[in-house]
Structure formats: C-alpha cells, structure tokens
Amino acid sequence: MQAIDFEVPADLFWSKNRRRLPGKGGVGHKRFDTLAEAICFATEDHSVLRIGACLDTDDGSYGAEEFQAFYESADFIDYRRRYGILPSSDGDIVHSKNSSRATAPGGRPS
C-alpha cells in the first residue's frame, strides 16, 4: 500500500437517499482542511444518512471501505485522537479540541 498524505484537503460527497435523485435529497458535500479530519467525520458522525460516501483529494479518491480501513489502522490512531470523537472521563462523548461540535450520549448534539 502506498503512503497516504492525511494532511491534504479533502471533500466528502455522499448521496442523501438510496435513489440518488437530484431534488429528492440529492448529494451532500462537506469540505475539510485535512483528509484525516474528513475520515474521522465520515466514520464517526452518524447524524446524517450517508449512502455511497467517497472522499476526494488531489492525490486520489477513496470509497467508504477504504477510509474505514484507514480509520481502523494503527497508523491512524494519532489522527483519531486529534480529530475524532473521544469519550470523556464521565462517559459522555465529546469531540476532540480541534473539532467544533460536541455530541452527547446517543449521538445527540450537546
């Protein structure tokens, strides 16, 4: 496997419904400063149904299975700590310091 630069900007695209029809939910898009942040968001955030998600960078495109494998790899642990959702000492789930959102138990925004 070639080395992946997780510091490059990335775009996350997904279908908002199973039929993938414009006007009936259409396509979702979110831009991230780094591929690592995009991978954490796409893997951990379950507030929106994302069907057929893919991440695009100038270096390549990655499907859901690929970015899930990146996320679960030992090489990605530091990025998960930096950008991911972490359990707090009292059991609540909070976003790491670089993330702008926080989530309470059960996936509800706090």
PDB file of N, CA and C in Angstrom:
ATOM      1  N   MET A   1       0.850  -1.184   0.000  1.00  0.00           N
ATOM      2  CA  MET A   1       0.000   0.000   0.000  1.00  0.00           C
ATOM      3  C   MET A   1       0.894   1.244   0.000  1.00  0.00           C
ATOM      4  N   GLN A   2       0.580   2.197  -0.856  1.00  0.00           N
ATOM      5  CA  GLN A   2       1.368   3.425  -0.903  1.00  0.00           C
ATOM      6  C   GLN A   2       1.039   4.319   0.279  1.00  0.00           C
ATOM      7  N   ALA A   3       1.997   5.154   0.656  1.00  0.00           N
ATOM      8  CA  ALA A   3       1.796   6.068   1.785  1.00  0.00           C
ATOM      9  C   ALA A   3       0.719   7.098   1.428  1.00  0.00           C
ATOM     10  N   ILE A   4      -0.153   7.354   2.365  1.00  0.00           N
ATOM     11  CA  ILE A   4      -1.240   8.308   2.174  1.00  0.00           C
ATOM     12  C   ILE A   4      -0.903   9.570   2.955  1.00  0.00           C
ATOM     13  N   ASP A   5      -1.057  10.730   2.307  1.00  0.00           N
ATOM     14  CA  ASP A   5      -0.854  12.013   2.987  1.00  0.00           C
ATOM     15  C   ASP A   5      -2.190  12.435   3.580  1.00  0.00           C
ATOM     16  N   PHE A   6      -2.330  12.287   4.888  1.00  0.00           N
ATOM     17  CA  PHE A   6      -3.584  12.611   5.561  1.00  0.00           C
ATOM     18  C   PHE A   6      -3.719  14.104   5.850  1.00  0.00           C
ATOM     19  N   GLU A   7      -2.739  14.901   5.466  1.00  0.00           N
ATOM     20  CA  GLU A   7      -2.764  16.346   5.733  1.00  0.00           C
ATOM     21  C   GLU A   7      -3.290  17.166   4.544  1.00  0.00           C
ATOM     22  N   VAL A   8      -3.598  16.528   3.427  1.00  0.00           N
ATOM     23  CA  VAL A   8      -4.101  17.257   2.262  1.00  0.00           C
ATOM     24  C   VAL A   8      -5.581  17.585   2.443  1.00  0.00           C
ATOM     25  N   PRO A   9      -6.065  18.675   1.832  1.00  0.00           N
ATOM     26  CA  PRO A   9      -7.502  18.991   1.897  1.00  0.00           C
ATOM     27  C   PRO A   9      -8.325  17.880   1.236  1.00  0.00           C
ATOM     28  N   ALA A  10      -9.564  17.717   1.714  1.00  0.00           N
ATOM     29  CA  ALA A  10     -10.426  16.655   1.184  1.00  0.00           C
ATOM     30  C   ALA A  10     -11.871  17.113   1.119  1.00  0.00           C
ATOM     31  N   ASP A  11     -12.594  16.525   0.180  1.00  0.00           N
ATOM     32  CA  ASP A  11     -14.028  16.757   0.026  1.00  0.00           C
ATOM     33  C   ASP A  11     -14.745  15.434   0.248  1.00  0.00           C
ATOM     34  N   LEU A  12     -15.789  15.473   1.069  1.00  0.00           N
ATOM     35  CA  LEU A  12     -16.636  14.311   1.310  1.00  0.00           C
ATOM     36  C   LEU A  12     -17.920  14.505   0.517  1.00  0.00           C
ATOM     37  N   PHE A  13     -18.265  13.510  -0.294  1.00  0.00           N
ATOM     38  CA  PHE A  13     -19.506  13.516  -1.058  1.00  0.00           C
ATOM     39  C   PHE A  13     -20.302  12.276  -0.685  1.00  0.00           C
ATOM     40  N   TRP A  14     -21.626  12.403  -0.631  1.00  0.00           N
ATOM     41  CA  TRP A  14     -22.484  11.258  -0.351  1.00  0.00           C
ATOM     42  C   TRP A  14     -23.860  11.518  -0.915  1.00  0.00           C
ATOM     43  N   SER A  15     -24.585  10.432  -1.145  1.00  0.00           N
ATOM     44  CA  SER A  15     -25.974  10.529  -1.558  1.00  0.00           C
ATOM     45  C   SER A  15     -26.824  10.603  -0.307  1.00  0.00           C
ATOM     46  N   LYS A  16     -27.832  11.448  -0.355  1.00  0.00           N
ATOM     47  CA  LYS A  16     -28.710  11.607   0.805  1.00  0.00           C
ATOM     48  C   LYS A  16     -29.878  10.631   0.801  1.00  0.00           C
ATOM     49  N   ASN A  17     -30.038   9.872  -0.282  1.00  0.00           N
ATOM     50  CA  ASN A  17     -31.097   8.873  -0.313  1.00  0.00           C
ATOM     51  C   ASN A  17     -30.656   7.716  -1.206  1.00  0.00           C
ATOM     52  N   ARG A  18     -31.344   6.614  -1.084  1.00  0.00           N
ATOM     53  CA  ARG A  18     -30.958   5.412  -1.833  1.00  0.00           C
ATOM     54  C   ARG A  18     -31.207   5.546  -3.332  1.00  0.00           C
ATOM     55  N   ARG A  19     -32.124   6.398  -3.727  1.00  0.00           N
ATOM     56  CA  ARG A  19     -32.434   6.547  -5.146  1.00  0.00           C
ATOM     57  C   ARG A  19     -31.456   7.481  -5.843  1.00  0.00           C
ATOM     58  N   ARG A  20     -30.739   8.306  -5.071  1.00  0.00           N
ATOM     59  CA  ARG A  20     -29.729   9.226  -5.597  1.00  0.00           C
ATOM     60  C   ARG A  20     -30.276  10.145  -6.691  1.00  0.00           C
ATOM     61  N   LEU A  21     -31.466  10.650  -6.458  1.00  0.00           N
ATOM     62  CA  LEU A  21     -32.094  11.537  -7.429  1.00  0.00           C
ATOM     63  C   LEU A  21     -31.959  12.986  -6.991  1.00  0.00           C
ATOM     64  N   PRO A  22     -31.441  13.862  -7.852  1.00  0.00           N
ATOM     65  CA  PRO A  22     -31.401  15.283  -7.509  1.00  0.00           C
ATOM     66  C   PRO A  22     -32.815  15.789  -7.238  1.00  0.00           C
ATOM     67  N   GLY A  23     -32.933  16.665  -6.282  1.00  0.00           N
ATOM     68  CA  GLY A  23     -34.245  17.220  -5.944  1.00  0.00           C
ATOM     69  C   GLY A  23     -35.002  16.355  -4.942  1.00  0.00           C
ATOM     70  N   LYS A  24     -34.577  15.156  -4.726  1.00  0.00           N
ATOM     71  CA  LYS A  24     -35.213  14.253  -3.765  1.00  0.00           C
ATOM     72  C   LYS A  24     -34.241  13.937  -2.635  1.00  0.00           C
ATOM     73  N   GLY A  25     -33.433  14.880  -2.287  1.00  0.00           N
ATOM     74  CA  GLY A  25     -32.427  14.662  -1.258  1.00  0.00           C
ATOM     75  C   GLY A  25     -31.057  14.963  -1.814  1.00  0.00           C
ATOM     76  N   GLY A  26     -30.822  14.608  -3.062  1.00  0.00           N
ATOM     77  CA  GLY A  26     -29.609  14.967  -3.770  1.00  0.00           C
ATOM     78  C   GLY A  26     -28.324  14.435  -3.173  1.00  0.00           C
ATOM     79  N   VAL A  27     -27.294  15.222  -3.398  1.00  0.00           N
ATOM     80  CA  VAL A  27     -25.946  14.851  -2.987  1.00  0.00           C
ATOM     81  C   VAL A  27     -25.479  15.799  -1.899  1.00  0.00           C
ATOM     82  N   GLY A  28     -24.883  15.230  -0.855  1.00  0.00           N
ATOM     83  CA  GLY A  28     -24.307  16.035   0.214  1.00  0.00           C
ATOM     84  C   GLY A  28     -22.828  16.266  -0.038  1.00  0.00           C
ATOM     85  N   HIS A  29     -22.319  17.368   0.470  1.00  0.00           N
ATOM     86  CA  HIS A  29     -20.907  17.705   0.311  1.00  0.00           C
ATOM     87  C   HIS A  29     -20.421  18.451   1.545  1.00  0.00           C
ATOM     88  N   LYS A  30     -19.199  18.154   1.952  1.00  0.00           N
ATOM     89  CA  LYS A  30     -18.563  18.881   3.045  1.00  0.00           C
ATOM     90  C   LYS A  30     -17.071  18.928   2.750  1.00  0.00           C
ATOM     91  N   ARG A  31     -16.475  20.095   2.924  1.00  0.00           N
ATOM     92  CA  ARG A  31     -15.040  20.311   2.679  1.00  0.00           C
ATOM     93  C   ARG A  31     -14.289  20.292   4.004  1.00  0.00           C
ATOM     94  N   PHE A  32     -13.114  19.663   4.017  1.00  0.00           N
ATOM     95  CA  PHE A  32     -12.279  19.560   5.212  1.00  0.00           C
ATOM     96  C   PHE A  32     -10.870  20.054   4.916  1.00  0.00           C
ATOM     97  N   ASP A  33     -10.225  20.596   5.940  1.00  0.00           N
ATOM     98  CA  ASP A  33      -8.846  21.060   5.803  1.00  0.00           C
ATOM     99  C   ASP A  33      -7.874  19.905   5.603  1.00  0.00           C
ATOM    100  N   THR A  34      -8.196  18.740   6.183  1.00  0.00           N
ATOM    101  CA  THR A  34      -7.319  17.579   6.038  1.00  0.00           C
ATOM    102  C   THR A  34      -8.132  16.323   5.749  1.00  0.00           C
ATOM    103  N   LEU A  35      -7.504  15.396   5.061  1.00  0.00           N
ATOM    104  CA  LEU A  35      -8.114  14.100   4.797  1.00  0.00           C
ATOM    105  C   LEU A  35      -8.385  13.371   6.107  1.00  0.00           C
ATOM    106  N   ALA A  36      -7.484  13.500   7.065  1.00  0.00           N
ATOM    107  CA  ALA A  36      -7.667  12.839   8.364  1.00  0.00           C
ATOM    108  C   ALA A  36      -8.947  13.303   9.052  1.00  0.00           C
ATOM    109  N   GLU A  37      -9.193  14.599   9.047  1.00  0.00           N
ATOM    110  CA  GLU A  37     -10.409  15.132   9.654  1.00  0.00           C
ATOM    111  C   GLU A  37     -11.645  14.611   8.920  1.00  0.00           C
ATOM    112  N   ALA A  38     -11.581  14.544   7.601  1.00  0.00           N
ATOM    113  CA  ALA A  38     -12.698  14.038   6.801  1.00  0.00           C
ATOM    114  C   ALA A  38     -12.982  12.574   7.105  1.00  0.00           C
ATOM    115  N   ILE A  39     -11.926  11.773   7.258  1.00  0.00           N
ATOM    116  CA  ILE A  39     -12.095  10.355   7.574  1.00  0.00           C
ATOM    117  C   ILE A  39     -12.764  10.189   8.935  1.00  0.00           C
ATOM    118  N   CYS A  40     -12.310  10.944   9.927  1.00  0.00           N
ATOM    119  CA  CYS A  40     -12.927  10.861  11.260  1.00  0.00           C
ATOM    120  C   CYS A  40     -14.392  11.259  11.215  1.00  0.00           C
ATOM    121  N   PHE A  41     -14.693  12.353  10.534  1.00  0.00           N
ATOM    122  CA  PHE A  41     -16.073  12.812  10.432  1.00  0.00           C
ATOM    123  C   PHE A  41     -16.945  11.765   9.732  1.00  0.00           C
ATOM    124  N   ALA A  42     -16.483  11.269   8.593  1.00  0.00           N
ATOM    125  CA  ALA A  42     -17.276  10.319   7.805  1.00  0.00           C
ATOM    126  C   ALA A  42     -17.491   9.007   8.555  1.00  0.00           C
ATOM    127  N   THR A  43     -16.541   8.629   9.386  1.00  0.00           N
ATOM    128  CA  THR A  43     -16.621   7.364  10.103  1.00  0.00           C
ATOM    129  C   THR A  43     -17.414   7.481  11.397  1.00  0.00           C
ATOM    130  N   GLU A  44     -17.273   8.592  12.101  1.00  0.00           N
ATOM    131  CA  GLU A  44     -17.848   8.727  13.441  1.00  0.00           C
ATOM    132  C   GLU A  44     -19.185   9.446  13.503  1.00  0.00           C
ATOM    133  N   ASP A  45     -19.422  10.390  12.621  1.00  0.00           N
ATOM    134  CA  ASP A  45     -20.642  11.189  12.702  1.00  0.00           C
ATOM    135  C   ASP A  45     -21.801  10.434  12.044  1.00  0.00           C
ATOM    136  N   HIS A  46     -22.810  10.099  12.833  1.00  0.00           N
ATOM    137  CA  HIS A  46     -23.954   9.345  12.325  1.00  0.00           C
ATOM    138  C   HIS A  46     -25.232  10.181  12.315  1.00  0.00           C
ATOM    139  N   SER A  47     -25.079  11.507  12.330  1.00  0.00           N
ATOM    140  CA  SER A  47     -26.250  12.380  12.378  1.00  0.00           C
ATOM    141  C   SER A  47     -26.968  12.465  11.036  1.00  0.00           C
ATOM    142  N   VAL A  48     -26.308  12.051   9.958  1.00  0.00           N
ATOM    143  CA  VAL A  48     -26.888  12.128   8.622  1.00  0.00           C
ATOM    144  C   VAL A  48     -26.669  10.791   7.919  1.00  0.00           C
ATOM    145  N   LEU A  49     -27.675  10.296   7.222  1.00  0.00           N
ATOM    146  CA  LEU A  49     -27.525   9.089   6.419  1.00  0.00           C
ATOM    147  C   LEU A  49     -26.628   9.404   5.230  1.00  0.00           C
ATOM    148  N   ARG A  50     -25.518   8.691   5.119  1.00  0.00           N
ATOM    149  CA  ARG A  50     -24.581   8.910   4.012  1.00  0.00           C
ATOM    150  C   ARG A  50     -24.463   7.620   3.207  1.00  0.00           C
ATOM    151  N   ILE A  51     -25.040   7.623   2.016  1.00  0.00           N
ATOM    152  CA  ILE A  51     -25.031   6.455   1.151  1.00  0.00           C
ATOM    153  C   ILE A  51     -24.002   6.679   0.048  1.00  0.00           C
ATOM    154  N   GLY A  52     -23.170   5.703  -0.198  1.00  0.00           N
ATOM    155  CA  GLY A  52     -22.182   5.810  -1.265  1.00  0.00           C
ATOM    156  C   GLY A  52     -21.157   6.901  -1.024  1.00  0.00           C
ATOM    157  N   ALA A  53     -20.753   7.096   0.226  1.00  0.00           N
ATOM    158  CA  ALA A  53     -19.812   8.164   0.565  1.00  0.00           C
ATOM    159  C   ALA A  53     -18.462   7.937  -0.097  1.00  0.00           C
ATOM    160  N   CYS A  54     -17.841   9.036  -0.528  1.00  0.00           N
ATOM    161  CA  CYS A  54     -16.479   8.976  -1.053  1.00  0.00           C
ATOM    162  C   CYS A  54     -15.743  10.250  -0.648  1.00  0.00           C
ATOM    163  N   LEU A  55     -14.442  10.103  -0.498  1.00  0.00           N
ATOM    164  CA  LEU A  55     -13.568  11.225  -0.163  1.00  0.00           C
ATOM    165  C   LEU A  55     -12.661  11.493  -1.351  1.00  0.00           C
ATOM    166  N   ASP A  56     -12.600  12.741  -1.771  1.00  0.00           N
ATOM    167  CA  ASP A  56     -11.753  13.136  -2.896  1.00  0.00           C
ATOM    168  C   ASP A  56     -10.677  14.101  -2.430  1.00  0.00           C
ATOM    169  N   THR A  57      -9.452  13.852  -2.881  1.00  0.00           N
ATOM    170  CA  THR A  57      -8.323  14.759  -2.660  1.00  0.00           C
ATOM    171  C   THR A  57      -7.629  14.953  -4.001  1.00  0.00           C
ATOM    172  N   ASP A  58      -6.641  15.829  -4.029  1.00  0.00           N
ATOM    173  CA  ASP A  58      -5.845  15.979  -5.246  1.00  0.00           C
ATOM    174  C   ASP A  58      -5.019  14.724  -5.515  1.00  0.00           C
ATOM    175  N   ASP A  59      -4.782  13.928  -4.475  1.00  0.00           N
ATOM    176  CA  ASP A  59      -3.969  12.717  -4.602  1.00  0.00           C
ATOM    177  C   ASP A  59      -4.771  11.484  -4.999  1.00  0.00           C
ATOM    178  N   GLY A  60      -6.095  11.525  -4.850  1.00  0.00           N
ATOM    179  CA  GLY A  60      -6.913  10.369  -5.198  1.00  0.00           C
ATOM    180  C   GLY A  60      -8.277  10.408  -4.566  1.00  0.00           C
ATOM    181  N   SER A  61      -9.058   9.368  -4.840  1.00  0.00           N
ATOM    182  CA  SER A  61     -10.409   9.228  -4.292  1.00  0.00           C
ATOM    183  C   SER A  61     -10.478   7.932  -3.501  1.00  0.00           C
ATOM    184  N   TYR A  62     -11.286   7.956  -2.429  1.00  0.00           N
ATOM    185  CA  TYR A  62     -11.385   6.803  -1.550  1.00  0.00           C
ATOM    186  C   TYR A  62     -12.847   6.541  -1.228  1.00  0.00           C
ATOM    187  N   GLY A  63     -13.244   5.282  -1.347  1.00  0.00           N
ATOM    188  CA  GLY A  63     -14.590   4.875  -1.007  1.00  0.00           C
ATOM    189  C   GLY A  63     -14.709   4.558   0.469  1.00  0.00           C
ATOM    190  N   ALA A  64     -15.921   4.263   0.904  1.00  0.00           N
ATOM    191  CA  ALA A  64     -16.203   4.020   2.322  1.00  0.00           C
ATOM    192  C   ALA A  64     -15.368   2.884   2.899  1.00  0.00           C
ATOM    193  N   GLU A  65     -15.195   1.805   2.166  1.00  0.00           N
ATOM    194  CA  GLU A  65     -14.397   0.687   2.678  1.00  0.00           C
ATOM    195  C   GLU A  65     -12.938   1.100   2.866  1.00  0.00           C
ATOM    196  N   GLU A  66     -12.420   1.908   1.946  1.00  0.00           N
ATOM    197  CA  GLU A  66     -11.031   2.354   2.060  1.00  0.00           C
ATOM    198  C   GLU A  66     -10.837   3.283   3.249  1.00  0.00           C
ATOM    199  N   PHE A  67     -11.706   4.296   3.397  1.00  0.00           N
ATOM    200  CA  PHE A  67     -11.468   5.199   4.522  1.00  0.00           C
ATOM    201  C   PHE A  67     -11.806   4.550   5.854  1.00  0.00           C
ATOM    202  N   GLN A  68     -12.664   3.541   5.876  1.00  0.00           N
ATOM    203  CA  GLN A  68     -12.890   2.779   7.106  1.00  0.00           C
ATOM    204  C   GLN A  68     -11.619   2.014   7.474  1.00  0.00           C
ATOM    205  N   ALA A  69     -10.938   1.445   6.481  1.00  0.00           N
ATOM    206  CA  ALA A  69      -9.684   0.722   6.733  1.00  0.00           C
ATOM    207  C   ALA A  69      -8.597   1.673   7.236  1.00  0.00           C
ATOM    208  N   PHE A  70      -8.513   2.879   6.658  1.00  0.00           N
ATOM    209  CA  PHE A  70      -7.555   3.879   7.148  1.00  0.00           C
ATOM    210  C   PHE A  70      -7.845   4.178   8.618  1.00  0.00           C
ATOM    211  N   TYR A  71      -9.116   4.430   8.912  1.00  0.00           N
ATOM    212  CA  TYR A  71      -9.546   4.802  10.262  1.00  0.00           C
ATOM    213  C   TYR A  71      -9.172   3.733  11.288  1.00  0.00           C
ATOM    214  N   GLU A  72      -9.315   2.487  10.921  1.00  0.00           N
ATOM    215  CA  GLU A  72      -9.056   1.380  11.845  1.00  0.00           C
ATOM    216  C   GLU A  72      -7.579   0.989  11.920  1.00  0.00           C
ATOM    217  N   SER A  73      -6.733   1.532  11.053  1.00  0.00           N
ATOM    218  CA  SER A  73      -5.325   1.148  11.039  1.00  0.00           C
ATOM    219  C   SER A  73      -4.567   1.746  12.221  1.00  0.00           C
ATOM    220  N   ALA A  74      -3.520   1.055  12.629  1.00  0.00           N
ATOM    221  CA  ALA A  74      -2.681   1.523  13.742  1.00  0.00           C
ATOM    222  C   ALA A  74      -2.015   2.854  13.406  1.00  0.00           C
ATOM    223  N   ASP A  75      -1.726   3.095  12.137  1.00  0.00           N
ATOM    224  CA  ASP A  75      -1.080   4.343  11.722  1.00  0.00           C
ATOM    225  C   ASP A  75      -1.987   5.561  11.893  1.00  0.00           C
ATOM    226  N   PHE A  76      -3.276   5.346  12.069  1.00  0.00           N
ATOM    227  CA  PHE A  76      -4.246   6.442  12.102  1.00  0.00           C
ATOM    228  C   PHE A  76      -4.630   6.859  13.523  1.00  0.00           C
ATOM    229  N   ILE A  77      -4.123   6.176  14.532  1.00  0.00           N
ATOM    230  CA  ILE A  77      -4.533   6.436  15.919  1.00  0.00           C
ATOM    231  C   ILE A  77      -4.325   7.889  16.332  1.00  0.00           C
ATOM    232  N   ASP A  78      -3.184   8.474  15.989  1.00  0.00           N
ATOM    233  CA  ASP A  78      -2.927   9.868  16.363  1.00  0.00           C
ATOM    234  C   ASP A  78      -3.927  10.820  15.715  1.00  0.00           C
ATOM    235  N   TYR A  79      -4.329  10.539  14.481  1.00  0.00           N
ATOM    236  CA  TYR A  79      -5.324  11.383  13.814  1.00  0.00           C
ATOM    237  C   TYR A  79      -6.689  11.242  14.480  1.00  0.00           C
ATOM    238  N   ARG A  80      -7.035  10.027  14.913  1.00  0.00           N
ATOM    239  CA  ARG A  80      -8.313   9.830  15.611  1.00  0.00           C
ATOM    240  C   ARG A  80      -8.322  10.618  16.905  1.00  0.00           C
ATOM    241  N   ARG A  81      -7.208  10.663  17.598  1.00  0.00           N
ATOM    242  CA  ARG A  81      -7.130  11.450  18.830  1.00  0.00           C
ATOM    243  C   ARG A  81      -7.255  12.938  18.536  1.00  0.00           C
ATOM    244  N   ARG A  82      -6.690  13.383  17.433  1.00  0.00           N
ATOM    245  CA  ARG A  82      -6.703  14.803  17.096  1.00  0.00           C
ATOM    246  C   ARG A  82      -8.065  15.257  16.581  1.00  0.00           C
ATOM    247  N   TYR A  83      -8.696  14.472  15.714  1.00  0.00           N
ATOM    248  CA  TYR A  83      -9.922  14.913  15.045  1.00  0.00           C
ATOM    249  C   TYR A  83     -11.172  14.144  15.450  1.00  0.00           C
ATOM    250  N   GLY A  84     -11.030  13.044  16.146  1.00  0.00           N
ATOM    251  CA  GLY A  84     -12.156  12.160  16.369  1.00  0.00           C
ATOM    252  C   GLY A  84     -13.011  12.482  17.563  1.00  0.00           C
ATOM    253  N   ILE A  85     -14.018  11.676  17.727  1.00  0.00           N
ATOM    254  CA  ILE A  85     -14.917  11.758  18.868  1.00  0.00           C
ATOM    255  C   ILE A  85     -14.307  10.898  19.962  1.00  0.00           C
ATOM    256  N   LEU A  86     -14.098  11.483  21.112  1.00  0.00           N
ATOM    257  CA  LEU A  86     -13.451  10.783  22.217  1.00  0.00           C
ATOM    258  C   LEU A  86     -14.382  10.711  23.421  1.00  0.00           C
ATOM    259  N   PRO A  87     -14.343   9.594  24.171  1.00  0.00           N
ATOM    260  CA  PRO A  87     -15.140   9.546  25.401  1.00  0.00           C
ATOM    261  C   PRO A  87     -14.486  10.435  26.460  1.00  0.00           C
ATOM    262  N   SER A  88     -15.286  11.170  27.201  1.00  0.00           N
ATOM    263  CA  SER A  88     -14.754  11.994  28.290  1.00  0.00           C
ATOM    264  C   SER A  88     -14.648  11.135  29.542  1.00  0.00           C
ATOM    265  N   SER A  89     -14.118  11.698  30.613  1.00  0.00           N
ATOM    266  CA  SER A  89     -13.930  10.941  31.848  1.00  0.00           C
ATOM    267  C   SER A  89     -15.258  10.517  32.474  1.00  0.00           C
ATOM    268  N   ASP A  90     -16.345  11.258  32.205  1.00  0.00           N
ATOM    269  CA  ASP A  90     -17.633  10.899  32.809  1.00  0.00           C
ATOM    270  C   ASP A  90     -18.502  10.046  31.885  1.00  0.00           C
ATOM    271  N   GLY A  91     -17.924   9.571  30.769  1.00  0.00           N
ATOM    272  CA  GLY A  91     -18.656   8.675  29.884  1.00  0.00           C
ATOM    273  C   GLY A  91     -19.358   9.368  28.733  1.00  0.00           C
ATOM    274  N   ASP A  92     -19.491  10.696  28.801  1.00  0.00           N
ATOM    275  CA  ASP A  92     -20.086  11.414  27.679  1.00  0.00           C
ATOM    276  C   ASP A  92     -19.128  11.376  26.501  1.00  0.00           C
ATOM    277  N   ILE A  93     -19.657  11.552  25.316  1.00  0.00           N
ATOM    278  CA  ILE A  93     -18.821  11.589  24.131  1.00  0.00           C
ATOM    279  C   ILE A  93     -18.648  13.044  23.724  1.00  0.00           C
ATOM    280  N   VAL A  94     -17.418  13.441  23.511  1.00  0.00           N
ATOM    281  CA  VAL A  94     -17.123  14.807  23.100  1.00  0.00           C
ATOM    282  C   VAL A  94     -16.168  14.768  21.930  1.00  0.00           C
ATOM    283  N   HIS A  95     -16.202  15.822  21.121  1.00  0.00           N
ATOM    284  CA  HIS A  95     -15.244  15.933  20.028  1.00  0.00           C
ATOM    285  C   HIS A  95     -13.925  16.422  20.578  1.00  0.00           C
ATOM    286  N   SER A  96     -12.855  16.041  19.910  1.00  0.00           N
ATOM    287  CA  SER A  96     -11.534  16.487  20.334  1.00  0.00           C
ATOM    288  C   SER A  96     -11.425  17.994  20.202  1.00  0.00           C
ATOM    289  N   LYS A  97     -10.375  18.577  20.740  1.00  0.00           N
ATOM    290  CA  LYS A  97     -10.252  20.025  20.829  1.00  0.00           C
ATOM    291  C   LYS A  97     -10.260  20.735  19.481  1.00  0.00           C
ATOM    292  N   ASN A  98      -9.873  20.078  18.407  1.00  0.00           N
ATOM    293  CA  ASN A  98      -9.836  20.716  17.093  1.00  0.00           C
ATOM    294  C   ASN A  98     -11.173  20.663  16.379  1.00  0.00           C
ATOM    295  N   SER A  99     -12.133  19.968  16.949  1.00  0.00           N
ATOM    296  CA  SER A  99     -13.438  19.858  16.323  1.00  0.00           C
ATOM    297  C   SER A  99     -14.373  20.902  16.910  1.00  0.00           C
ATOM    298  N   SER A 100     -15.265  21.410  16.091  1.00  0.00           N
ATOM    299  CA  SER A 100     -16.152  22.485  16.543  1.00  0.00           C
ATOM    300  C   SER A 100     -17.468  21.986  17.113  1.00  0.00           C
ATOM    301  N   ARG A 101     -17.728  20.670  17.050  1.00  0.00           N
ATOM    302  CA  ARG A 101     -19.008  20.166  17.522  1.00  0.00           C
ATOM    303  C   ARG A 101     -18.813  19.192  18.659  1.00  0.00           C
ATOM    304  N   ALA A 102     -19.808  19.064  19.494  1.00  0.00           N
ATOM    305  CA  ALA A 102     -19.779  18.080  20.582  1.00  0.00           C
ATOM    306  C   ALA A 102     -21.043  17.245  20.502  1.00  0.00           C
ATOM    307  N   THR A 103     -20.927  16.002  20.916  1.00  0.00           N
ATOM    308  CA  THR A 103     -22.063  15.104  20.860  1.00  0.00           C
ATOM    309  C   THR A 103     -22.263  14.453  22.218  1.00  0.00           C
ATOM    310  N   ALA A 104     -23.496  14.417  22.657  1.00  0.00           N
ATOM    311  CA  ALA A 104     -23.848  13.765  23.913  1.00  0.00           C
ATOM    312  C   ALA A 104     -24.094  12.284  23.660  1.00  0.00           C
ATOM    313  N   PRO A 105     -24.224  11.496  24.703  1.00  0.00           N
ATOM    314  CA  PRO A 105     -24.532  10.068  24.510  1.00  0.00           C
ATOM    315  C   PRO A 105     -25.763   9.888  23.642  1.00  0.00           C
ATOM    316  N   GLY A 106     -25.731   8.876  22.803  1.00  0.00           N
ATOM    317  CA  GLY A 106     -26.852   8.621  21.909  1.00  0.00           C
ATOM    318  C   GLY A 106     -26.758   9.410  20.629  1.00  0.00           C
ATOM    319  N   GLY A 107     -25.663  10.141  20.410  1.00  0.00           N
ATOM    320  CA  GLY A 107     -25.469  10.862  19.165  1.00  0.00           C
ATOM    321  C   GLY A 107     -26.184  12.190  19.074  1.00  0.00           C
ATOM    322  N   ARG A 108     -26.757  12.664  20.189  1.00  0.00           N
ATOM    323  CA  ARG A 108     -27.464  13.951  20.171  1.00  0.00           C
ATOM    324  C   ARG A 108     -26.469  15.081  20.323  1.00  0.00           C
ATOM    325  N   PRO A 109     -26.576  16.145  19.518  1.00  0.00           N
ATOM    326  CA  PRO A 109     -25.699  17.295  19.720  1.00  0.00           C
ATOM    327  C   PRO A 109     -25.908  17.884  21.110  1.00  0.00           C
ATOM    328  N   SER A 110     -24.820  18.305  21.733  1.00  0.00           N
ATOM    329  CA  SER A 110     -24.951  18.885  23.069  1.00  0.00           C
ATOM    330  C   SER A 110     -25.066  20.395  23.008  1.00  0.00           C
TER     331      SER A 110
END
